[in-house]
Amino acid sequence: DGRQVTVGPKLRTLALNTLRSSLAQTPSHARLRALSLELGETC
């Protein structure tokens, strides 16, 4: 409709790349691995 504003493709890409970078640099991957070991399944 052109009357409102929302997130554009470059901002979505930036957010996605930021999350990927965060996953690579924080303990989240280790937590995911621990969860996989605890459940005995792929996460």
PDB file of all heavy atoms in Angstrom:
ATOM      1  N   ASP A   1       0.811  -1.221   0.000  1.00  0.00           N
ATOM      2  CA  ASP A   1       0.000   0.000   0.000  1.00  0.00           C
ATOM      3  C   ASP A   1       0.844   1.270   0.000  1.00  0.00           C
ATOM      4  O   ASP A   1       0.351   2.355  -0.312  1.00  0.00           O
ATOM      5  CB  ASP A   1      -0.982   0.017   1.170  1.00  0.00           C
ATOM      6  CG  ASP A   1      -0.287  -0.021   2.533  1.00  0.00           C
ATOM      7  OD1 ASP A   1       0.922   0.291   2.609  1.00  0.00           O
ATOM      8  OD2 ASP A   1      -0.950  -0.369   3.524  1.00  0.00           O
ATOM      9  N   GLY A   2       2.135   1.165   0.355  1.00  0.00           N
ATOM     10  CA  GLY A   2       3.048   2.295   0.271  1.00  0.00           C
ATOM     11  C   GLY A   2       2.892   3.348   1.346  1.00  0.00           C
ATOM     12  O   GLY A   2       3.623   4.339   1.358  1.00  0.00           O
ATOM     13  N   ARG A   3       1.977   3.141   2.288  1.00  0.00           N
ATOM     14  CA  ARG A   3       1.729   4.179   3.291  1.00  0.00           C
ATOM     15  C   ARG A   3       2.484   3.946   4.588  1.00  0.00           C
ATOM     16  O   ARG A   3       2.501   4.802   5.461  1.00  0.00           O
ATOM     17  CB  ARG A   3       0.221   4.264   3.586  1.00  0.00           C
ATOM     18  CG  ARG A   3      -0.589   4.826   2.428  1.00  0.00           C
ATOM     19  CD  ARG A   3      -2.068   4.812   2.730  1.00  0.00           C
ATOM     20  NE  ARG A   3      -2.579   3.453   2.840  1.00  0.00           N
ATOM     21  CZ  ARG A   3      -3.855   3.159   3.087  1.00  0.00           C
ATOM     22  NH1 ARG A   3      -4.734   4.122   3.254  1.00  0.00           N
ATOM     23  NH2 ARG A   3      -4.251   1.899   3.172  1.00  0.00           N
ATOM     24  N   GLN A   4       3.091   2.782   4.725  1.00  0.00           N
ATOM     25  CA  GLN A   4       3.823   2.454   5.943  1.00  0.00           C
ATOM     26  C   GLN A   4       5.249   2.036   5.591  1.00  0.00           C
ATOM     27  O   GLN A   4       5.605   1.898   4.428  1.00  0.00           O
ATOM     28  CB  GLN A   4       3.085   1.353   6.709  1.00  0.00           C
ATOM     29  CG  GLN A   4       1.711   1.796   7.221  1.00  0.00           C
ATOM     30  CD  GLN A   4       0.993   0.681   7.946  1.00  0.00           C
ATOM     31  OE1 GLN A   4       0.866  -0.424   7.430  1.00  0.00           O
ATOM     32  NE2 GLN A   4       0.522   0.956   9.148  1.00  0.00           N
ATOM     33  N   VAL A   5       6.038   1.834   6.640  1.00  0.00           N
ATOM     34  CA  VAL A   5       7.455   1.507   6.470  1.00  0.00           C
ATOM     35  C   VAL A   5       7.753   0.228   7.242  1.00  0.00           C
ATOM     36  O   VAL A   5       7.255   0.029   8.357  1.00  0.00           O
ATOM     37  CB  VAL A   5       8.338   2.657   6.995  1.00  0.00           C
ATOM     38  CG1 VAL A   5       9.816   2.312   6.833  1.00  0.00           C
ATOM     39  CG2 VAL A   5       8.019   3.955   6.268  1.00  0.00           C
ATOM     40  N   THR A   6       8.574  -0.623   6.656  1.00  0.00           N
ATOM     41  CA  THR A   6       8.965  -1.857   7.328  1.00  0.00           C
ATOM     42  C   THR A   6      10.439  -2.137   7.056  1.00  0.00           C
ATOM     43  O   THR A   6      11.127  -1.367   6.380  1.00  0.00           O
ATOM     44  CB  THR A   6       8.078  -3.032   6.875  1.00  0.00           C
ATOM     45  OG1 THR A   6       8.334  -4.170   7.701  1.00  0.00           O
ATOM     46  CG2 THR A   6       8.335  -3.384   5.421  1.00  0.00           C
ATOM     47  N   VAL A   7      10.912  -3.235   7.571  1.00  0.00           N
ATOM     48  CA  VAL A   7      12.318  -3.631   7.411  1.00  0.00           C
ATOM     49  C   VAL A   7      12.600  -3.959   5.950  1.00  0.00           C
ATOM     50  O   VAL A   7      11.817  -4.639   5.280  1.00  0.00           O
ATOM     51  CB  VAL A   7      12.612  -4.852   8.304  1.00  0.00           C
ATOM     52  CG1 VAL A   7      13.987  -5.424   8.007  1.00  0.00           C
ATOM     53  CG2 VAL A   7      12.498  -4.464   9.776  1.00  0.00           C
ATOM     54  N   GLY A   8      13.731  -3.489   5.448  1.00  0.00           N
ATOM     55  CA  GLY A   8      14.130  -3.756   4.076  1.00  0.00           C
ATOM     56  C   GLY A   8      15.093  -4.929   3.978  1.00  0.00           C
ATOM     57  O   GLY A   8      15.583  -5.437   5.000  1.00  0.00           O
ATOM     58  N   PRO A   9      15.398  -5.365   2.761  1.00  0.00           N
ATOM     59  CA  PRO A   9      16.237  -6.560   2.576  1.00  0.00           C
ATOM     60  C   PRO A   9      17.642  -6.418   3.149  1.00  0.00           C
ATOM     61  O   PRO A   9      18.197  -7.381   3.687  1.00  0.00           O
ATOM     62  CB  PRO A   9      16.268  -6.741   1.054  1.00  0.00           C
ATOM     63  CG  PRO A   9      15.854  -5.424   0.478  1.00  0.00           C
ATOM     64  CD  PRO A   9      14.925  -4.813   1.469  1.00  0.00           C
ATOM     65  N   LYS A  10      18.248  -5.232   3.051  1.00  0.00           N
ATOM     66  CA  LYS A  10      19.610  -5.083   3.572  1.00  0.00           C
ATOM     67  C   LYS A  10      19.629  -5.134   5.088  1.00  0.00           C
ATOM     68  O   LYS A  10      20.588  -5.643   5.690  1.00  0.00           O
ATOM     69  CB  LYS A  10      20.231  -3.779   3.079  1.00  0.00           C
ATOM     70  CG  LYS A  10      20.621  -3.811   1.612  1.00  0.00           C
ATOM     71  CD  LYS A  10      21.535  -2.674   1.221  1.00  0.00           C
ATOM     72  CE  LYS A  10      22.929  -2.840   1.787  1.00  0.00           C
ATOM     73  NZ  LYS A  10      23.875  -1.815   1.275  1.00  0.00           N
ATOM     74  N   LEU A  11      18.565  -4.638   5.744  1.00  0.00           N
ATOM     75  CA  LEU A  11      18.508  -4.709   7.203  1.00  0.00           C
ATOM     76  C   LEU A  11      18.275  -6.148   7.654  1.00  0.00           C
ATOM     77  O   LEU A  11      18.851  -6.600   8.647  1.00  0.00           O
ATOM     78  CB  LEU A  11      17.409  -3.786   7.739  1.00  0.00           C
ATOM     79  CG  LEU A  11      17.366  -3.607   9.255  1.00  0.00           C
ATOM     80  CD1 LEU A  11      18.700  -3.127   9.794  1.00  0.00           C
ATOM     81  CD2 LEU A  11      16.257  -2.631   9.654  1.00  0.00           C
ATOM     82  N   ARG A  12      17.445  -6.903   6.918  1.00  0.00           N
ATOM     83  CA  ARG A  12      17.244  -8.319   7.255  1.00  0.00           C
ATOM     84  C   ARG A  12      18.550  -9.097   7.102  1.00  0.00           C
ATOM     85  O   ARG A  12      18.885  -9.939   7.937  1.00  0.00           O
ATOM     86  CB  ARG A  12      16.157  -8.927   6.367  1.00  0.00           C
ATOM     87  CG  ARG A  12      14.752  -8.471   6.683  1.00  0.00           C
ATOM     88  CD  ARG A  12      13.713  -9.395   6.071  1.00  0.00           C
ATOM     89  NE  ARG A  12      13.830  -9.470   4.630  1.00  0.00           N
ATOM     90  CZ  ARG A  12      13.195  -8.677   3.783  1.00  0.00           C
ATOM     91  NH1 ARG A  12      12.398  -7.730   4.250  1.00  0.00           N
ATOM     92  NH2 ARG A  12      13.326  -8.820   2.485  1.00  0.00           N
ATOM     93  N   THR A  13      19.279  -8.818   6.033  1.00  0.00           N
ATOM     94  CA  THR A  13      20.563  -9.498   5.827  1.00  0.00           C
ATOM     95  C   THR A  13      21.548  -9.152   6.933  1.00  0.00           C
ATOM     96  O   THR A  13      22.266 -10.023   7.435  1.00  0.00           O
ATOM     97  CB  THR A  13      21.158  -9.111   4.455  1.00  0.00           C
ATOM     98  OG1 THR A  13      20.250  -9.505   3.425  1.00  0.00           O
ATOM     99  CG2 THR A  13      22.501  -9.791   4.233  1.00  0.00           C
ATOM    100  N   LEU A  14      21.563  -7.880   7.327  1.00  0.00           N
ATOM    101  CA  LEU A  14      22.441  -7.453   8.411  1.00  0.00           C
ATOM    102  C   LEU A  14      22.093  -8.178   9.706  1.00  0.00           C
ATOM    103  O   LEU A  14      22.977  -8.657  10.435  1.00  0.00           O
ATOM    104  CB  LEU A  14      22.329  -5.938   8.608  1.00  0.00           C
ATOM    105  CG  LEU A  14      23.124  -5.335   9.768  1.00  0.00           C
ATOM    106  CD1 LEU A  14      24.624  -5.531   9.565  1.00  0.00           C
ATOM    107  CD2 LEU A  14      22.801  -3.845   9.912  1.00  0.00           C
ATOM    108  N   ALA A  15      20.794  -8.291  10.001  1.00  0.00           N
ATOM    109  CA  ALA A  15      20.372  -8.979  11.223  1.00  0.00           C
ATOM    110  C   ALA A  15      20.757 -10.453  11.184  1.00  0.00           C
ATOM    111  O   ALA A  15      21.232 -11.019  12.180  1.00  0.00           O
ATOM    112  CB  ALA A  15      18.864  -8.824  11.401  1.00  0.00           C
ATOM    113  N   LEU A  16      20.558 -11.079  10.019  1.00  0.00           N
ATOM    114  CA  LEU A  16      20.892 -12.502   9.880  1.00  0.00           C
ATOM    115  C   LEU A  16      22.387 -12.723  10.037  1.00  0.00           C
ATOM    116  O   LEU A  16      22.831 -13.632  10.762  1.00  0.00           O
ATOM    117  CB  LEU A  16      20.424 -12.999   8.517  1.00  0.00           C
ATOM    118  CG  LEU A  16      20.476 -14.501   8.262  1.00  0.00           C
ATOM    119  CD1 LEU A  16      19.593 -15.241   9.245  1.00  0.00           C
ATOM    120  CD2 LEU A  16      20.046 -14.806   6.838  1.00  0.00           C
ATOM    121  N   ASN A  17      23.195 -11.881   9.413  1.00  0.00           N
ATOM    122  CA  ASN A  17      24.646 -12.010   9.538  1.00  0.00           C
ATOM    123  C   ASN A  17      25.115 -11.744  10.956  1.00  0.00           C
ATOM    124  O   ASN A  17      26.075 -12.367  11.435  1.00  0.00           O
ATOM    125  CB  ASN A  17      25.340 -11.059   8.563  1.00  0.00           C
ATOM    126  CG  ASN A  17      25.195 -11.493   7.123  1.00  0.00           C
ATOM    127  OD1 ASN A  17      24.934 -12.660   6.850  1.00  0.00           O
ATOM    128  ND2 ASN A  17      25.345 -10.567   6.198  1.00  0.00           N
ATOM    129  N   THR A  18      24.440 -10.817  11.642  1.00  0.00           N
ATOM    130  CA  THR A  18      24.794 -10.523  13.032  1.00  0.00           C
ATOM    131  C   THR A  18      24.527 -11.728  13.917  1.00  0.00           C
ATOM    132  O   THR A  18      25.349 -12.089  14.772  1.00  0.00           O
ATOM    133  CB  THR A  18      24.000  -9.308  13.532  1.00  0.00           C
ATOM    134  OG1 THR A  18      24.321  -8.175  12.715  1.00  0.00           O
ATOM    135  CG2 THR A  18      24.345  -8.989  14.984  1.00  0.00           C
ATOM    136  N   LEU A  19      23.375 -12.374  13.713  1.00  0.00           N
ATOM    137  CA  LEU A  19      23.061 -13.567  14.500  1.00  0.00           C
ATOM    138  C   LEU A  19      24.051 -14.692  14.211  1.00  0.00           C
ATOM    139  O   LEU A  19      24.501 -15.388  15.127  1.00  0.00           O
ATOM    140  CB  LEU A  19      21.639 -14.037  14.199  1.00  0.00           C
ATOM    141  CG  LEU A  19      20.523 -13.415  15.039  1.00  0.00           C
ATOM    142  CD1 LEU A  19      19.166 -13.871  14.537  1.00  0.00           C
ATOM    143  CD2 LEU A  19      20.690 -13.771  16.509  1.00  0.00           C
ATOM    144  N   ARG A  20      24.379 -14.880  12.954  1.00  0.00           N
ATOM    145  CA  ARG A  20      25.361 -15.915  12.611  1.00  0.00           C
ATOM    146  C   ARG A  20      26.697 -15.641  13.284  1.00  0.00           C
ATOM    147  O   ARG A  20      27.347 -16.550  13.808  1.00  0.00           O
ATOM    148  CB  ARG A  20      25.546 -15.967  11.093  1.00  0.00           C
ATOM    149  CG  ARG A  20      24.433 -16.663  10.345  1.00  0.00           C
ATOM    150  CD  ARG A  20      24.660 -16.582   8.858  1.00  0.00           C
ATOM    151  NE  ARG A  20      23.650 -17.334   8.127  1.00  0.00           N
ATOM    152  CZ  ARG A  20      23.351 -17.139   6.862  1.00  0.00           C
ATOM    153  NH1 ARG A  20      24.001 -16.220   6.162  1.00  0.00           N
ATOM    154  NH2 ARG A  20      22.430 -17.859   6.254  1.00  0.00           N
ATOM    155  N   SER A  21      27.120 -14.373  13.266  1.00  0.00           N
ATOM    156  CA  SER A  21      28.372 -14.005  13.905  1.00  0.00           C
ATOM    157  C   SER A  21      28.310 -14.240  15.408  1.00  0.00           C
ATOM    158  O   SER A  21      29.258 -14.734  16.019  1.00  0.00           O
ATOM    159  CB  SER A  21      28.694 -12.536  13.598  1.00  0.00           C
ATOM    160  OG  SER A  21      29.879 -12.135  14.242  1.00  0.00           O
ATOM    161  N   SER A  22      27.160 -13.890  16.005  1.00  0.00           N
ATOM    162  CA  SER A  22      26.998 -14.089  17.448  1.00  0.00           C
ATOM    163  C   SER A  22      27.082 -15.561  17.807  1.00  0.00           C
ATOM    164  O   SER A  22      27.691 -15.937  18.805  1.00  0.00           O
ATOM    165  CB  SER A  22      25.652 -13.512  17.908  1.00  0.00           C
ATOM    166  OG  SER A  22      25.614 -12.121  17.730  1.00  0.00           O
ATOM    167  N   LEU A  23      26.468 -16.404  16.982  1.00  0.00           N
ATOM    168  CA  LEU A  23      26.502 -17.835  17.258  1.00  0.00           C
ATOM    169  C   LEU A  23      27.913 -18.386  17.194  1.00  0.00           C
ATOM    170  O   LEU A  23      28.284 -19.288  17.943  1.00  0.00           O
ATOM    171  CB  LEU A  23      25.617 -18.579  16.260  1.00  0.00           C
ATOM    172  CG  LEU A  23      24.119 -18.448  16.493  1.00  0.00           C
ATOM    173  CD1 LEU A  23      23.343 -18.929  15.285  1.00  0.00           C
ATOM    174  CD2 LEU A  23      23.697 -19.227  17.727  1.00  0.00           C
ATOM    175  N   ALA A  24      28.720 -17.824  16.304  1.00  0.00           N
ATOM    176  CA  ALA A  24      30.088 -18.313  16.145  1.00  0.00           C
ATOM    177  C   ALA A  24      31.000 -17.826  17.262  1.00  0.00           C
ATOM    178  O   ALA A  24      32.038 -18.434  17.528  1.00  0.00           O
ATOM    179  CB  ALA A  24      30.643 -17.859  14.799  1.00  0.00           C
ATOM    180  N   GLN A  25      30.622 -16.711  17.935  1.00  0.00           N
ATOM    181  CA  GLN A  25      31.534 -16.078  18.878  1.00  0.00           C
ATOM    182  C   GLN A  25      31.065 -16.137  20.327  1.00  0.00           C
ATOM    183  O   GLN A  25      31.717 -15.585  21.200  1.00  0.00           O
ATOM    184  CB  GLN A  25      31.742 -14.614  18.478  1.00  0.00           C
ATOM    185  CG  GLN A  25      32.355 -14.441  17.097  1.00  0.00           C
ATOM    186  CD  GLN A  25      32.457 -12.994  16.691  1.00  0.00           C
ATOM    187  OE1 GLN A  25      32.617 -12.124  17.521  1.00  0.00           O
ATOM    188  NE2 GLN A  25      32.358 -12.740  15.394  1.00  0.00           N
ATOM    189  N   THR A  26      29.935 -16.761  20.591  1.00  0.00           N
ATOM    190  CA  THR A  26      29.417 -16.820  21.951  1.00  0.00           C
ATOM    191  C   THR A  26      29.305 -18.272  22.409  1.00  0.00           C
ATOM    192  O   THR A  26      29.475 -19.200  21.605  1.00  0.00           O
ATOM    193  CB  THR A  26      28.033 -16.160  22.035  1.00  0.00           C
ATOM    194  OG1 THR A  26      27.104 -16.960  21.261  1.00  0.00           O
ATOM    195  CG2 THR A  26      28.051 -14.748  21.496  1.00  0.00           C
ATOM    196  N   PRO A  27      28.958 -18.495  23.683  1.00  0.00           N
ATOM    197  CA  PRO A  27      28.812 -19.875  24.169  1.00  0.00           C
ATOM    198  C   PRO A  27      27.564 -20.577  23.647  1.00  0.00           C
ATOM    199  O   PRO A  27      27.300 -21.705  24.047  1.00  0.00           O
ATOM    200  CB  PRO A  27      28.722 -19.689  25.695  1.00  0.00           C
ATOM    201  CG  PRO A  27      29.199 -18.318  25.986  1.00  0.00           C
ATOM    202  CD  PRO A  27      28.881 -17.507  24.778  1.00  0.00           C
ATOM    203  N   SER A  28      26.786 -19.955  22.761  1.00  0.00           N
ATOM    204  CA  SER A  28      25.531 -20.557  22.326  1.00  0.00           C
ATOM    205  C   SER A  28      25.755 -21.882  21.592  1.00  0.00           C
ATOM    206  O   SER A  28      24.964 -22.820  21.737  1.00  0.00           O
ATOM    207  CB  SER A  28      24.744 -19.590  21.442  1.00  0.00           C
ATOM    208  OG  SER A  28      25.487 -19.261  20.297  1.00  0.00           O
ATOM    209  N   HIS A  29      26.823 -21.972  20.797  1.00  0.00           N
ATOM    210  CA  HIS A  29      27.071 -23.234  20.098  1.00  0.00           C
ATOM    211  C   HIS A  29      27.410 -24.334  21.104  1.00  0.00           C
ATOM    212  O   HIS A  29      26.958 -25.483  20.956  1.00  0.00           O
ATOM    213  CB  HIS A  29      28.200 -23.079  19.083  1.00  0.00           C
ATOM    214  CG  HIS A  29      28.462 -24.330  18.302  1.00  0.00           C
ATOM    215  ND1 HIS A  29      27.649 -24.749  17.257  1.00  0.00           N
ATOM    216  CD2 HIS A  29      29.425 -25.285  18.432  1.00  0.00           C
ATOM    217  CE1 HIS A  29      28.109 -25.895  16.776  1.00  0.00           C
ATOM    218  NE2 HIS A  29      29.181 -26.227  17.469  1.00  0.00           N
ATOM    219  N   ALA A  30      28.190 -23.977  22.110  1.00  0.00           N
ATOM    220  CA  ALA A  30      28.509 -24.962  23.155  1.00  0.00           C
ATOM    221  C   ALA A  30      27.236 -25.395  23.879  1.00  0.00           C
ATOM    222  O   ALA A  30      27.070 -26.574  24.225  1.00  0.00           O
ATOM    223  CB  ALA A  30      29.514 -24.374  24.145  1.00  0.00           C
ATOM    224  N   ARG A  31      26.304 -24.429  24.107  1.00  0.00           N
ATOM    225  CA  ARG A  31      25.038 -24.772  24.763  1.00  0.00           C
ATOM    226  C   ARG A  31      24.200 -25.673  23.866  1.00  0.00           C
ATOM    227  O   ARG A  31      23.539 -26.594  24.345  1.00  0.00           O
ATOM    228  CB  ARG A  31      24.264 -23.488  25.112  1.00  0.00           C
ATOM    229  CG  ARG A  31      22.953 -23.738  25.869  1.00  0.00           C
ATOM    230  CD  ARG A  31      23.249 -24.360  27.221  1.00  0.00           C
ATOM    231  NE  ARG A  31      22.059 -24.730  27.959  1.00  0.00           N
ATOM    232  CZ  ARG A  31      21.460 -25.911  27.890  1.00  0.00           C
ATOM    233  NH1 ARG A  31      21.941 -26.858  27.080  1.00  0.00           N
ATOM    234  NH2 ARG A  31      20.403 -26.185  28.611  1.00  0.00           N
ATOM    235  N   LEU A  32      24.230 -25.435  22.560  1.00  0.00           N
ATOM    236  CA  LEU A  32      23.499 -26.278  21.628  1.00  0.00           C
ATOM    237  C   LEU A  32      24.080 -27.688  21.617  1.00  0.00           C
ATOM    238  O   LEU A  32      23.353 -28.678  21.577  1.00  0.00           O
ATOM    239  CB  LEU A  32      23.542 -25.671  20.229  1.00  0.00           C
ATOM    240  CG  LEU A  32      22.664 -26.327  19.162  1.00  0.00           C
ATOM    241  CD1 LEU A  32      21.187 -26.149  19.502  1.00  0.00           C
ATOM    242  CD2 LEU A  32      22.964 -25.764  17.785  1.00  0.00           C
ATOM    243  N   ARG A  33      25.408 -27.763  21.661  1.00  0.00           N
ATOM    244  CA  ARG A  33      26.051 -29.075  21.701  1.00  0.00           C
ATOM    245  C   ARG A  33      25.697 -29.815  22.995  1.00  0.00           C
ATOM    246  O   ARG A  33      25.418 -31.024  22.979  1.00  0.00           O
ATOM    247  CB  ARG A  33      27.568 -28.915  21.572  1.00  0.00           C
ATOM    248  CG  ARG A  33      28.328 -30.240  21.503  1.00  0.00           C
ATOM    249  CD  ARG A  33      29.801 -30.008  21.186  1.00  0.00           C
ATOM    250  NE  ARG A  33      29.968 -29.438  19.857  1.00  0.00           N
ATOM    251  CZ  ARG A  33      29.929 -30.141  18.732  1.00  0.00           C
ATOM    252  NH1 ARG A  33      29.719 -31.454  18.780  1.00  0.00           N
ATOM    253  NH2 ARG A  33      30.100 -29.552  17.572  1.00  0.00           N
ATOM    254  N   ALA A  34      25.681 -29.080  24.111  1.00  0.00           N
ATOM    255  CA  ALA A  34      25.316 -29.697  25.393  1.00  0.00           C
ATOM    256  C   ALA A  34      23.869 -30.198  25.360  1.00  0.00           C
ATOM    257  O   ALA A  34      23.558 -31.265  25.901  1.00  0.00           O
ATOM    258  CB  ALA A  34      25.514 -28.700  26.526  1.00  0.00           C
ATOM    259  N   LEU A  35      22.993 -29.420  24.729  1.00  0.00           N
ATOM    260  CA  LEU A  35      21.590 -29.836  24.615  1.00  0.00           C
ATOM    261  C   LEU A  35      21.478 -31.103  23.782  1.00  0.00           C
ATOM    262  O   LEU A  35      20.739 -32.029  24.137  1.00  0.00           O
ATOM    263  CB  LEU A  35      20.768 -28.713  23.986  1.00  0.00           C
ATOM    264  CG  LEU A  35      19.299 -29.034  23.701  1.00  0.00           C
ATOM    265  CD1 LEU A  35      18.538 -29.259  24.996  1.00  0.00           C
ATOM    266  CD2 LEU A  35      18.661 -27.913  22.878  1.00  0.00           C
ATOM    267  N   SER A  36      22.220 -31.170  22.689  1.00  0.00           N
ATOM    268  CA  SER A  36      22.193 -32.353  21.842  1.00  0.00           C
ATOM    269  C   SER A  36      22.666 -33.588  22.602  1.00  0.00           C
ATOM    270  O   SER A  36      22.085 -34.671  22.484  1.00  0.00           O
ATOM    271  CB  SER A  36      23.072 -32.112  20.601  1.00  0.00           C
ATOM    272  OG  SER A  36      23.136 -33.260  19.794  1.00  0.00           O
ATOM    273  N   LEU A  37      23.712 -33.406  23.410  1.00  0.00           N
ATOM    274  CA  LEU A  37      24.205 -34.528  24.213  1.00  0.00           C
ATOM    275  C   LEU A  37      23.187 -34.939  25.271  1.00  0.00           C
ATOM    276  O   LEU A  37      22.989 -36.126  25.532  1.00  0.00           O
ATOM    277  CB  LEU A  37      25.529 -34.149  24.872  1.00  0.00           C
ATOM    278  CG  LEU A  37      26.738 -34.041  23.944  1.00  0.00           C
ATOM    279  CD1 LEU A  37      27.934 -33.469  24.695  1.00  0.00           C
ATOM    280  CD2 LEU A  37      27.083 -35.408  23.355  1.00  0.00           C
ATOM    281  N   GLU A  38      22.533 -33.929  25.887  1.00  0.00           N
ATOM    282  CA  GLU A  38      21.549 -34.239  26.938  1.00  0.00           C
ATOM    283  C   GLU A  38      20.350 -34.994  26.383  1.00  0.00           C
ATOM    284  O   GLU A  38      19.858 -35.941  27.000  1.00  0.00           O
ATOM    285  CB  GLU A  38      21.087 -32.939  27.601  1.00  0.00           C
ATOM    286  CG  GLU A  38      20.101 -33.148  28.746  1.00  0.00           C
ATOM    287  CD  GLU A  38      19.716 -31.854  29.432  1.00  0.00           C
ATOM    288  OE1 GLU A  38      20.193 -30.776  28.996  1.00  0.00           O
ATOM    289  OE2 GLU A  38      18.934 -31.902  30.398  1.00  0.00           O
ATOM    290  N   LEU A  39      19.874 -34.555  25.199  1.00  0.00           N
ATOM    291  CA  LEU A  39      18.697 -35.194  24.605  1.00  0.00           C
ATOM    292  C   LEU A  39      19.064 -36.424  23.784  1.00  0.00           C
ATOM    293  O   LEU A  39      18.201 -37.253  23.494  1.00  0.00           O
ATOM    294  CB  LEU A  39      17.955 -34.190  23.717  1.00  0.00           C
ATOM    295  CG  LEU A  39      17.373 -32.962  24.414  1.00  0.00           C
ATOM    296  CD1 LEU A  39      16.687 -32.062  23.397  1.00  0.00           C
ATOM    297  CD2 LEU A  39      16.389 -33.370  25.511  1.00  0.00           C
ATOM    298  N   GLY A  40      20.334 -36.502  23.388  1.00  0.00           N
ATOM    299  CA  GLY A  40      20.757 -37.623  22.556  1.00  0.00           C
ATOM    300  C   GLY A  40      20.249 -37.531  21.134  1.00  0.00           C
ATOM    301  O   GLY A  40      20.157 -38.552  20.433  1.00  0.00           O
ATOM    302  N   GLU A  41      19.919 -36.290  20.683  1.00  0.00           N
ATOM    303  CA  GLU A  41      19.377 -36.103  19.346  1.00  0.00           C
ATOM    304  C   GLU A  41      19.955 -34.843  18.708  1.00  0.00           C
ATOM    305  O   GLU A  41      20.579 -34.019  19.373  1.00  0.00           O
ATOM    306  CB  GLU A  41      17.834 -35.989  19.382  1.00  0.00           C
ATOM    307  CG  GLU A  41      17.118 -37.171  20.018  1.00  0.00           C
ATOM    308  CD  GLU A  41      17.272 -38.484  19.237  1.00  0.00           C
ATOM    309  OE1 GLU A  41      17.842 -38.458  18.123  1.00  0.00           O
ATOM    310  OE2 GLU A  41      16.840 -39.529  19.759  1.00  0.00           O
ATOM    311  N   THR A  42      19.712 -34.687  17.408  1.00  0.00           N
ATOM    312  CA  THR A  42      20.172 -33.525  16.659  1.00  0.00           C
ATOM    313  C   THR A  42      19.368 -32.288  17.050  1.00  0.00           C
ATOM    314  O   THR A  42      18.144 -32.351  17.200  1.00  0.00           O
ATOM    315  CB  THR A  42      20.035 -33.785  15.148  1.00  0.00           C
ATOM    316  OG1 THR A  42      20.926 -34.847  14.787  1.00  0.00           O
ATOM    317  CG2 THR A  42      20.359 -32.552  14.333  1.00  0.00           C
ATOM    318  N   CYS A  43      20.056 -31.149  17.220  1.00  0.00           N
ATOM    319  CA  CYS A  43      19.397 -29.902  17.618  1.00  0.00           C
ATOM    320  C   CYS A  43      19.781 -28.778  16.657  1.00  0.00           C
ATOM    321  O   CYS A  43      20.910 -28.730  16.154  1.00  0.00           O
ATOM    322  CB  CYS A  43      19.783 -29.518  19.047  1.00  0.00           C
ATOM    323  SG  CYS A  43      19.187 -30.705  20.286  1.00  0.00           S
TER     324      CYS A  43
END
